[in-house]
Amino acid sequence: MTPSNWHNKLSHPAQWGGIETAVLDNGSGRGTRIAWINTGTGLRYKVVIDRAMDIADAFYNQHGLAWISQVGITPPQPFSDRGIDWLRTFTGGLLTTCGLTHAGGPESDEYGQRGLHDEISNIPAEIESIIQPDPARGQFDMSITGRIRQTRVFGPSLELRRTISGTLGQPTIRIHDEVINRGNTAAPHMLLYHFNFGWPLADEGTDIVWQGSWQPRHPDQNNKIFVEGNDFRKCPAPREDHNGAGEEVALIDPTADANGICTTGLYNANLGFALALRFRKEQLPWLTNWQHWGQGEYVTGLEPGTHPPIGQAAARAQQTLLFLEPGESRRYEVEIEILSKEDAIQSFLGK
């Protein structure tokens, strides 16, 4: 909650929090635009402006929330759109956006070639506005808004208008997205929010919280985690069989509350807080739980989406592929909140 004793003590809002833009000047990320956002509650995070305004580092007090891959932050590479080249630039981070026309593995058909998880995360944003908090004027909200254009001559031509916002004194990240068809023909549309959680939030015994019916992504394989009766809602110790490309994935039809809100996230009892991730079922009817417990590459993903990551071809075959007509748009809202009070944590856990 916003403290009440700040009056006549604050010389500059940055003493409390706000948005600071910068350019990385070293290593693989050199030249990449970023924005640090500090909520003044211990929750602070790095928006990578040049990578679709995705979120890389994120912390609550001294504790990291996000998994950062060995790749780290890199500048956008717009031609990483064939095969699995996307993995060469996959930061992980708190959020990597997948889409806007395809979410899933690489594929090719009569409609074209599509690389792993499509193009949007390798496209820079054009910043439209930054609104700073100004407590002296009663303005505690802050936001950064940008436009990311995934387009080509002859189409499809889609635009993501993204606003990331928060409020001083509240440990919350709000993401408001609008996807607009700027072209003159109908465009296929798939969107996946690839949230990635790492140590120390994700640790042995951390609860992975979600509710809903589920199935393993590959039910015909020898699954060891997503098996009926197995406790796959607790983070395990690192697993040798997940070294390299080892992983398992559950495709979930998440349960919404009376207001149509789905809630997922993690709770680490040793750290004393939970991270709640909320989204609207009508906008994002699917949730994917990625578990990859490799040694030195320890991560779980919770990924709301318009579809599971089955790819455009499968969605087309199932007649679930979305299409946006010229000028048509779809809106999405996703929220992350840090819960540190016991009653809020118990409610999150459904107790």
Protein backbone atom coordinates (compact mmCIF):
# COMPACT_ATOMS: atom_id res chain seq x y z
CA MET A 1 0.00 0.00 0.00
CA THR A 2 1.09 3.59 -0.58
CA PRO A 3 2.74 4.94 2.59
CA SER A 4 1.03 7.98 4.09
CA ASN A 5 4.06 9.75 5.57
CA TRP A 6 5.81 10.93 2.39
CA HIS A 7 4.34 14.46 2.38
CA ASN A 8 6.91 17.28 2.53
CA LYS A 9 9.76 14.74 2.51
CA LEU A 10 10.12 13.93 -1.19
CA SER A 11 12.39 16.18 -3.26
CA HIS A 12 12.15 14.15 -6.48
CA PRO A 13 9.77 11.31 -7.41
CA ALA A 14 12.79 9.14 -8.33
CA GLN A 15 13.52 8.83 -4.60
CA TRP A 16 10.46 6.60 -4.51
CA GLY A 17 10.21 5.09 -7.99
CA GLY A 18 9.40 5.72 -11.61
CA ILE A 19 10.65 4.92 -15.11
CA GLU A 20 14.24 5.37 -16.25
CA THR A 21 15.25 4.75 -19.87
CA ALA A 22 18.77 3.80 -20.92
CA VAL A 23 20.84 2.04 -23.58
CA LEU A 24 22.97 -0.99 -22.75
CA ASP A 25 26.62 -0.32 -23.59
CA ASN A 26 28.42 -3.62 -23.04
CA GLY A 27 28.29 -7.30 -23.96
CA SER A 28 25.84 -9.00 -26.26
CA GLY A 29 23.10 -6.48 -25.50
CA ARG A 30 25.15 -3.43 -26.51
CA GLY A 31 23.00 -0.75 -28.14
CA THR A 32 19.69 -2.15 -26.88
CA ARG A 33 17.17 0.32 -25.45
CA ILE A 34 15.68 -0.53 -22.04
CA ALA A 35 13.49 1.02 -19.36
CA TRP A 36 13.86 0.25 -15.67
CA ILE A 37 10.55 0.50 -13.83
CA ASN A 38 10.61 0.81 -10.03
CA THR A 39 7.28 0.53 -8.22
CA GLY A 40 8.75 1.71 -4.89
CA THR A 41 7.67 -1.53 -3.20
CA GLY A 42 10.70 -3.73 -3.85
CA LEU A 43 9.25 -4.79 -7.23
CA ARG A 44 11.37 -3.48 -10.09
CA TYR A 45 11.88 -4.78 -13.59
CA LYS A 46 13.56 -4.09 -16.92
CA VAL A 47 11.49 -3.51 -20.07
CA VAL A 48 13.49 -4.22 -23.24
CA ILE A 49 12.16 -1.55 -25.59
CA ASP A 50 14.00 -2.98 -28.58
CA ARG A 51 12.53 -6.45 -28.04
CA ALA A 52 8.77 -5.75 -28.32
CA MET A 53 8.80 -4.18 -24.84
CA ASP A 54 9.24 -7.61 -23.29
CA ILE A 55 10.45 -7.84 -19.70
CA ALA A 56 13.89 -9.26 -18.87
CA ASP A 57 15.21 -8.91 -15.28
CA ALA A 58 12.65 -8.64 -12.48
CA PHE A 59 13.19 -8.51 -8.72
CA TYR A 60 11.20 -8.34 -5.51
CA ASN A 61 13.44 -6.92 -2.80
CA GLN A 62 16.68 -8.93 -3.12
CA HIS A 63 15.02 -11.88 -4.82
CA GLY A 64 15.10 -12.57 -8.55
CA LEU A 65 11.80 -13.58 -10.15
CA ALA A 66 12.76 -14.27 -13.76
CA TRP A 67 14.83 -16.91 -15.49
CA ILE A 68 17.53 -15.34 -17.66
CA SER A 69 18.94 -17.69 -20.29
CA GLN A 70 22.65 -17.94 -21.07
CA VAL A 71 21.87 -15.84 -24.15
CA GLY A 72 21.02 -12.83 -21.99
CA ILE A 73 19.69 -9.69 -23.64
CA THR A 74 20.53 -9.24 -27.30
CA PRO A 75 19.55 -6.61 -29.85
CA PRO A 76 16.65 -7.60 -32.11
CA GLN A 77 17.55 -9.95 -34.94
CA PRO A 78 14.63 -9.64 -37.36
CA PHE A 79 15.71 -12.56 -39.53
CA SER A 80 15.68 -15.08 -36.66
CA ASP A 81 12.42 -16.36 -38.10
CA ARG A 82 13.42 -19.68 -39.64
CA GLY A 83 13.59 -23.05 -37.94
CA ILE A 84 14.72 -22.76 -34.32
CA ASP A 85 16.89 -19.65 -34.86
CA TRP A 86 14.58 -17.92 -32.35
CA LEU A 87 16.45 -19.77 -29.58
CA ARG A 88 19.63 -17.84 -30.47
CA THR A 89 17.99 -14.66 -29.18
CA PHE A 90 15.71 -16.12 -26.47
CA THR A 91 16.50 -14.10 -23.35
CA GLY A 92 13.87 -15.89 -21.31
CA GLY A 93 13.26 -13.05 -18.90
CA LEU A 94 10.04 -12.47 -17.06
CA LEU A 95 8.17 -12.17 -20.38
CA THR A 96 8.89 -13.05 -23.98
CA THR A 97 5.98 -12.42 -26.36
CA CYS A 98 5.25 -15.07 -29.00
CA GLY A 99 3.21 -14.33 -32.13
CA LEU A 100 1.54 -12.40 -33.65
CA THR A 101 0.54 -14.92 -36.32
CA HIS A 102 2.11 -18.14 -35.00
CA ALA A 103 2.92 -19.67 -31.60
CA GLY A 104 4.62 -23.05 -31.66
CA GLY A 105 7.39 -24.95 -33.39
CA PRO A 106 8.78 -24.28 -36.87
CA GLU A 107 6.58 -25.39 -39.74
CA SER A 108 5.97 -24.99 -43.45
CA ASP A 109 2.82 -25.41 -45.53
CA GLU A 110 1.01 -23.87 -48.49
CA TYR A 111 0.56 -20.67 -46.46
CA GLY A 112 4.29 -20.14 -45.94
CA GLN A 113 7.21 -20.86 -43.61
CA ARG A 114 7.06 -20.03 -39.93
CA GLY A 115 9.91 -20.20 -37.43
CA LEU A 116 9.65 -21.05 -33.75
CA HIS A 117 7.22 -18.64 -32.01
CA ASP A 118 7.18 -16.12 -34.88
CA GLU A 119 8.68 -12.64 -35.18
CA ILE A 120 7.24 -10.19 -32.65
CA SER A 121 9.92 -10.56 -29.93
CA ASN A 122 12.63 -9.51 -32.42
CA ILE A 123 11.00 -6.21 -33.37
CA PRO A 124 11.81 -2.86 -31.67
CA ALA A 125 9.07 -0.66 -30.28
CA GLU A 126 8.39 2.90 -31.32
CA ILE A 127 7.79 4.66 -28.00
CA GLU A 128 4.61 6.66 -28.00
CA SER A 129 4.58 7.97 -24.42
CA ILE A 130 6.15 7.71 -21.00
CA ILE A 131 4.10 8.97 -18.07
CA GLN A 132 6.00 9.45 -14.84
CA PRO A 133 4.47 9.46 -11.37
CA ASP A 134 4.13 12.83 -9.62
CA PRO A 135 3.02 12.27 -6.02
CA ALA A 136 2.96 15.99 -5.25
CA ARG A 137 0.14 16.34 -7.79
CA GLY A 138 -1.64 13.18 -6.65
CA GLN A 139 -0.34 11.22 -9.67
CA PHE A 140 0.86 7.79 -8.54
CA ASP A 141 0.33 5.90 -11.81
CA MET A 142 3.11 5.49 -14.35
CA SER A 143 3.23 3.88 -17.78
CA ILE A 144 5.21 3.34 -20.95
CA THR A 145 3.42 2.83 -24.28
CA GLY A 146 4.86 1.74 -27.59
CA ARG A 147 3.92 0.36 -31.00
CA ILE A 148 5.53 -2.74 -32.47
CA ARG A 149 4.85 -3.44 -36.15
CA GLN A 150 5.07 -6.98 -37.51
CA THR A 151 4.57 -6.25 -41.16
CA ARG A 152 5.76 -6.81 -44.72
CA VAL A 153 4.83 -5.67 -48.20
CA PHE A 154 1.72 -7.56 -49.39
CA GLY A 155 0.96 -8.47 -45.75
CA PRO A 156 0.14 -9.63 -43.25
CA SER A 157 0.53 -6.33 -41.41
CA LEU A 158 -0.17 -6.50 -37.69
CA GLU A 159 0.59 -3.91 -35.01
CA LEU A 160 0.96 -4.51 -31.28
CA ARG A 161 0.22 -1.44 -29.19
CA ARG A 162 1.55 -2.22 -25.71
CA THR A 163 1.20 -0.31 -22.46
CA ILE A 164 3.04 -1.46 -19.34
CA SER A 165 1.89 0.37 -16.26
CA GLY A 166 2.03 0.39 -12.48
CA THR A 167 1.32 2.48 -9.44
CA LEU A 168 3.79 3.79 -6.87
CA GLY A 169 3.34 1.81 -3.68
CA GLN A 170 1.74 -1.21 -5.34
CA PRO A 171 3.78 -4.36 -6.25
CA THR A 172 1.95 -4.85 -9.53
CA ILE A 173 2.77 -4.98 -13.24
CA ARG A 174 -0.10 -4.34 -15.64
CA ILE A 175 0.17 -5.16 -19.35
CA HIS A 176 -2.46 -3.86 -21.76
CA ASP A 177 -2.05 -4.99 -25.36
CA GLU A 178 -4.02 -4.26 -28.49
CA VAL A 179 -3.30 -6.15 -31.71
CA ILE A 180 -4.54 -4.33 -34.81
CA ASN A 181 -4.66 -5.47 -38.44
CA ARG A 182 -3.21 -2.53 -40.39
CA GLY A 183 -3.29 -4.42 -43.68
CA ASN A 184 -5.98 -4.71 -46.35
CA THR A 185 -6.51 -8.49 -46.09
CA ALA A 186 -7.52 -10.79 -43.25
CA ALA A 187 -4.53 -11.87 -41.12
CA PRO A 188 -4.10 -15.02 -38.99
CA HIS A 189 -3.51 -14.30 -35.31
CA MET A 190 -2.00 -16.26 -32.42
CA LEU A 191 -0.54 -14.77 -29.22
CA LEU A 192 1.31 -16.40 -26.32
CA TYR A 193 2.69 -14.68 -23.20
CA HIS A 194 5.82 -16.73 -22.40
CA PHE A 195 6.41 -15.91 -18.70
CA ASN A 196 9.59 -17.55 -17.38
CA PHE A 197 10.33 -18.00 -13.68
CA GLY A 198 13.71 -18.92 -12.22
CA TRP A 199 15.71 -19.19 -9.03
CA PRO A 200 15.28 -18.15 -6.28
CA LEU A 201 11.52 -17.77 -6.77
CA ALA A 202 11.43 -21.14 -8.53
CA ASP A 203 13.24 -23.49 -6.17
CA GLU A 204 12.86 -26.97 -4.72
CA GLY A 205 9.45 -27.08 -3.04
CA THR A 206 8.07 -23.91 -4.64
CA ASP A 207 4.35 -24.31 -5.39
CA ILE A 208 3.29 -23.97 -9.04
CA VAL A 209 -0.31 -22.79 -8.86
CA TRP A 210 -2.96 -23.34 -11.53
CA GLN A 211 -6.34 -24.97 -11.78
CA GLY A 212 -8.02 -26.59 -14.76
CA SER A 213 -8.16 -29.68 -16.90
CA TRP A 214 -4.88 -30.58 -18.58
CA GLN A 215 -3.07 -32.96 -20.84
CA PRO A 216 0.61 -33.47 -21.67
CA ARG A 217 1.65 -31.83 -24.92
CA HIS A 218 2.91 -35.21 -26.17
CA PRO A 219 0.65 -37.85 -24.57
CA ASP A 220 2.23 -40.58 -26.70
CA GLN A 221 5.68 -40.03 -25.21
CA ASN A 222 7.16 -41.43 -21.99
CA ASN A 223 6.21 -38.52 -19.75
CA LYS A 224 7.77 -38.52 -16.29
CA ILE A 225 6.31 -35.29 -14.87
CA PHE A 226 2.84 -34.72 -16.32
CA VAL A 227 1.42 -38.05 -15.27
CA GLU A 228 -1.80 -38.56 -13.31
CA GLY A 229 -0.97 -38.92 -9.63
CA ASN A 230 2.41 -37.21 -9.89
CA ASP A 231 3.00 -33.98 -7.92
CA PHE A 232 3.89 -31.72 -10.85
CA ARG A 233 2.80 -28.61 -8.94
CA LYS A 234 6.01 -28.55 -6.87
CA CYS A 235 9.36 -27.47 -8.30
CA PRO A 236 11.77 -30.43 -8.06
CA ALA A 237 15.54 -30.57 -7.73
CA PRO A 238 17.50 -30.13 -10.98
CA ARG A 239 17.15 -33.18 -13.22
CA GLU A 240 19.87 -34.77 -15.32
CA ASP A 241 17.30 -35.96 -17.85
CA HIS A 242 16.44 -32.30 -18.53
CA ASN A 243 20.00 -31.37 -19.46
CA GLY A 244 20.11 -30.23 -23.07
CA ALA A 245 16.63 -30.15 -24.58
CA GLY A 246 14.87 -32.14 -21.83
CA GLU A 247 11.49 -30.69 -20.89
CA GLU A 248 7.83 -31.46 -20.36
CA VAL A 249 4.80 -29.35 -21.14
CA ALA A 250 1.18 -29.38 -19.99
CA LEU A 251 -1.62 -27.81 -22.04
CA ILE A 252 -4.24 -26.46 -19.64
CA ASP A 253 -7.84 -25.31 -19.98
CA PRO A 254 -7.66 -22.94 -16.98
CA THR A 255 -10.51 -22.46 -14.55
CA ALA A 256 -11.84 -18.91 -14.29
CA ASP A 257 -13.49 -17.29 -11.27
CA ALA A 258 -16.96 -15.71 -11.24
CA ASN A 259 -15.51 -12.60 -12.92
CA GLY A 260 -13.88 -14.55 -15.73
CA ILE A 261 -10.36 -14.14 -14.31
CA CYS A 262 -7.84 -16.99 -14.37
CA THR A 263 -5.04 -16.96 -11.79
CA THR A 264 -1.75 -18.82 -11.91
CA GLY A 265 1.69 -18.24 -10.41
CA LEU A 266 4.22 -19.44 -7.85
CA TYR A 267 4.52 -19.45 -4.06
CA ASN A 268 7.86 -19.84 -2.32
CA ALA A 269 7.20 -20.39 1.40
CA ASN A 270 10.89 -19.97 2.26
CA LEU A 271 10.94 -16.51 0.70
CA GLY A 272 7.56 -15.63 2.20
CA PHE A 273 5.79 -14.34 -0.89
CA ALA A 274 3.84 -15.44 -3.93
CA LEU A 275 3.67 -14.16 -7.49
CA ALA A 276 0.15 -14.13 -8.90
CA LEU A 277 -0.40 -13.93 -12.66
CA ARG A 278 -3.94 -13.03 -13.77
CA PHE A 279 -5.60 -12.92 -17.18
CA ARG A 280 -9.07 -12.98 -18.71
CA LYS A 281 -10.38 -16.33 -19.89
CA GLU A 282 -12.36 -14.79 -22.75
CA GLN A 283 -9.18 -13.18 -24.12
CA LEU A 284 -6.66 -15.92 -23.35
CA PRO A 285 -8.48 -19.24 -23.00
CA TRP A 286 -5.35 -21.42 -22.76
CA LEU A 287 -2.48 -21.81 -20.30
CA THR A 288 0.75 -23.71 -20.93
CA ASN A 289 3.04 -24.93 -18.12
CA TRP A 290 6.59 -25.49 -19.38
CA GLN A 291 8.93 -27.31 -16.99
CA HIS A 292 12.64 -27.48 -17.82
CA TRP A 293 14.69 -28.46 -14.78
CA GLY A 294 18.12 -28.83 -16.39
CA GLN A 295 21.28 -28.39 -14.33
CA GLY A 296 22.22 -24.74 -14.62
CA GLU A 297 19.12 -24.15 -16.75
CA TYR A 298 16.32 -24.36 -14.20
CA VAL A 299 13.04 -22.77 -15.25
CA THR A 300 9.29 -23.10 -15.36
CA GLY A 301 7.07 -21.18 -17.73
CA LEU A 302 3.43 -20.19 -17.23
CA GLU A 303 2.09 -19.04 -20.58
CA PRO A 304 -1.42 -17.67 -21.16
CA GLY A 305 -2.37 -17.68 -24.82
CA THR A 306 -5.06 -17.47 -27.43
CA HIS A 307 -4.01 -21.04 -28.23
CA PRO A 308 -1.65 -23.62 -26.80
CA PRO A 309 1.71 -23.52 -28.66
CA ILE A 310 0.54 -25.94 -31.35
CA GLY A 311 1.40 -23.72 -34.32
CA GLN A 312 -0.64 -22.06 -37.02
CA ALA A 313 -1.05 -25.18 -39.16
CA ALA A 314 -2.60 -27.25 -36.35
CA ALA A 315 -4.84 -24.38 -35.28
CA ARG A 316 -5.99 -23.97 -38.88
CA ALA A 317 -6.72 -27.69 -39.13
CA GLN A 318 -8.67 -27.57 -35.86
CA GLN A 319 -10.55 -24.49 -37.13
CA THR A 320 -9.47 -22.54 -34.04
CA LEU A 321 -7.06 -20.17 -35.82
CA LEU A 322 -8.12 -16.56 -35.27
CA PHE A 323 -8.32 -14.06 -38.12
CA LEU A 324 -8.36 -10.28 -37.88
CA GLU A 325 -10.13 -8.45 -40.66
CA PRO A 326 -8.64 -5.17 -41.98
CA GLY A 327 -8.90 -2.57 -39.23
CA GLU A 328 -10.07 -5.14 -36.65
CA SER A 329 -8.34 -5.39 -33.27
CA ARG A 330 -8.26 -7.59 -30.19
CA ARG A 331 -7.33 -6.50 -26.67
CA TYR A 332 -5.56 -8.39 -23.90
CA GLU A 333 -4.94 -7.60 -20.23
CA VAL A 334 -2.42 -9.44 -18.06
CA GLU A 335 -1.43 -8.57 -14.49
CA ILE A 336 1.31 -9.70 -12.14
CA GLU A 337 1.07 -9.00 -8.41
CA ILE A 338 3.42 -9.85 -5.57
CA LEU A 339 1.54 -11.19 -2.53
CA SER A 340 3.27 -10.94 0.85
CA LYS A 341 0.37 -10.89 3.31
CA GLU A 342 -0.72 -14.25 4.67
CA ASP A 343 -4.43 -13.86 3.92
CA ALA A 344 -3.73 -12.92 0.30
CA ILE A 345 -1.33 -15.86 -0.09
CA GLN A 346 -3.85 -18.32 1.37
CA SER A 347 -6.56 -17.00 -0.93
CA PHE A 348 -4.17 -17.38 -3.89
CA LEU A 349 -3.51 -20.98 -2.86
CA GLY A 350 -7.26 -21.62 -2.64
CA LYS A 351 -7.22 -22.29 1.10
